[in-house]
Amino acid sequence: MTESQRNRPFSNGTEYGMWDGRNCQRCKKYVPDSTTPEEGCDIEFAIASALFGDGTVDEKFIDRIGGYDETGIWLVDCQEREATP
């Protein structure tokens, strides 16, 4: 079994908070008190858990949450956000 690559999606907690407010808190899948990835959104669970660890998430989440485009501009919209009514 190979160890998966881990990456840091945000440089600090403020950057995370801005992304969370723009995406997670406006998504139907958002469950802020979830204790497992299955209770809500596995992306939100992974990045929120990273706040209490080393700040890294498995690389499989990086493309799903957005990332940088070819010019180095951060794409701020989650690719899987389901807008709330």
Protein backbone atom coordinates (compact mmCIF):
# COMPACT_ATOMS: atom_id res chain seq x y z
CA MET A 1 0.00 0.00 0.00
CA THR A 2 1.44 3.36 -0.97
CA GLU A 3 1.20 6.42 1.20
CA SER A 4 -0.96 9.10 -0.39
CA GLN A 5 0.42 12.55 -1.11
CA ARG A 6 -0.79 15.29 1.21
CA ASN A 7 -1.05 18.97 0.36
CA ARG A 8 -1.86 22.19 2.15
CA PRO A 9 -4.86 23.85 0.45
CA PHE A 10 -4.75 27.05 2.52
CA SER A 11 -1.83 29.07 3.82
CA ASN A 12 -3.58 30.00 7.08
CA GLY A 13 -6.83 29.81 9.02
CA THR A 14 -8.12 33.08 7.60
CA GLU A 15 -7.82 31.77 4.06
CA TYR A 16 -9.67 28.62 5.13
CA GLY A 17 -12.39 30.70 6.83
CA MET A 18 -12.94 32.79 3.72
CA TRP A 19 -13.22 29.67 1.55
CA ASP A 20 -15.51 27.95 4.05
CA GLY A 21 -17.83 30.96 4.18
CA ARG A 22 -18.00 31.23 0.40
CA ASN A 23 -18.52 27.53 -0.20
CA CYS A 24 -19.34 25.23 2.71
CA GLN A 25 -21.69 27.56 4.54
CA ARG A 26 -23.65 28.12 1.32
CA CYS A 27 -23.94 24.42 0.45
CA LYS A 28 -26.78 21.97 1.07
CA LYS A 29 -24.25 19.32 2.17
CA TYR A 30 -22.85 21.48 5.00
CA VAL A 31 -23.19 19.86 8.44
CA PRO A 32 -20.98 21.94 10.77
CA ASP A 33 -21.17 19.52 13.70
CA SER A 34 -20.45 16.34 11.72
CA THR A 35 -18.13 13.86 13.37
CA THR A 36 -17.58 11.67 10.30
CA PRO A 37 -17.21 12.44 6.59
CA GLU A 38 -20.38 10.46 5.86
CA GLU A 39 -22.58 12.79 7.95
CA GLY A 40 -22.08 15.74 5.62
CA CYS A 41 -19.51 16.68 3.02
CA ASP A 42 -16.27 14.72 2.99
CA ILE A 43 -14.40 17.72 1.54
CA GLU A 44 -15.49 20.02 4.37
CA PHE A 45 -14.71 17.32 6.92
CA ALA A 46 -11.19 16.87 5.52
CA ILE A 47 -10.30 20.55 5.42
CA ALA A 48 -11.88 21.30 8.81
CA SER A 49 -9.95 18.37 10.32
CA ALA A 50 -6.76 19.73 8.79
CA LEU A 51 -7.14 22.85 10.95
CA PHE A 52 -6.49 20.72 14.01
CA GLY A 53 -3.62 18.79 12.43
CA ASP A 54 -0.76 19.81 10.20
CA GLY A 55 -2.96 21.74 7.74
CA THR A 56 -2.71 19.13 5.01
CA VAL A 57 -5.35 17.05 3.24
CA ASP A 58 -5.08 14.03 1.00
CA GLU A 59 -4.32 15.12 -2.57
CA LYS A 60 -7.63 13.67 -3.79
CA PHE A 61 -9.37 16.68 -2.22
CA ILE A 62 -7.24 19.38 -3.85
CA ASP A 63 -8.80 19.23 -7.32
CA ARG A 64 -12.25 18.80 -5.86
CA ILE A 65 -12.09 22.01 -3.81
CA GLY A 66 -10.69 24.10 -6.63
CA GLY A 67 -7.10 25.16 -6.78
CA TYR A 68 -4.96 27.41 -8.90
CA ASP A 69 -5.55 27.90 -12.59
CA GLU A 70 -2.75 27.92 -15.17
CA THR A 71 -1.98 31.59 -14.43
CA GLY A 72 -1.68 31.09 -10.68
CA ILE A 73 -5.08 32.58 -9.80
CA TRP A 74 -6.90 30.77 -6.97
CA LEU A 75 -10.23 29.33 -8.09
CA VAL A 76 -12.41 30.15 -5.12
CA ASP A 77 -15.50 28.11 -5.92
CA CYS A 78 -15.79 24.53 -4.75
CA GLN A 79 -16.38 22.26 -7.68
CA GLU A 80 -19.00 20.29 -5.70
CA ARG A 81 -20.97 23.01 -3.93
CA GLU A 82 -24.75 22.53 -4.09
CA ALA A 83 -26.19 25.97 -3.50
CA THR A 84 -28.74 26.37 -0.74
CA PRO A 85 -32.09 27.87 -1.72
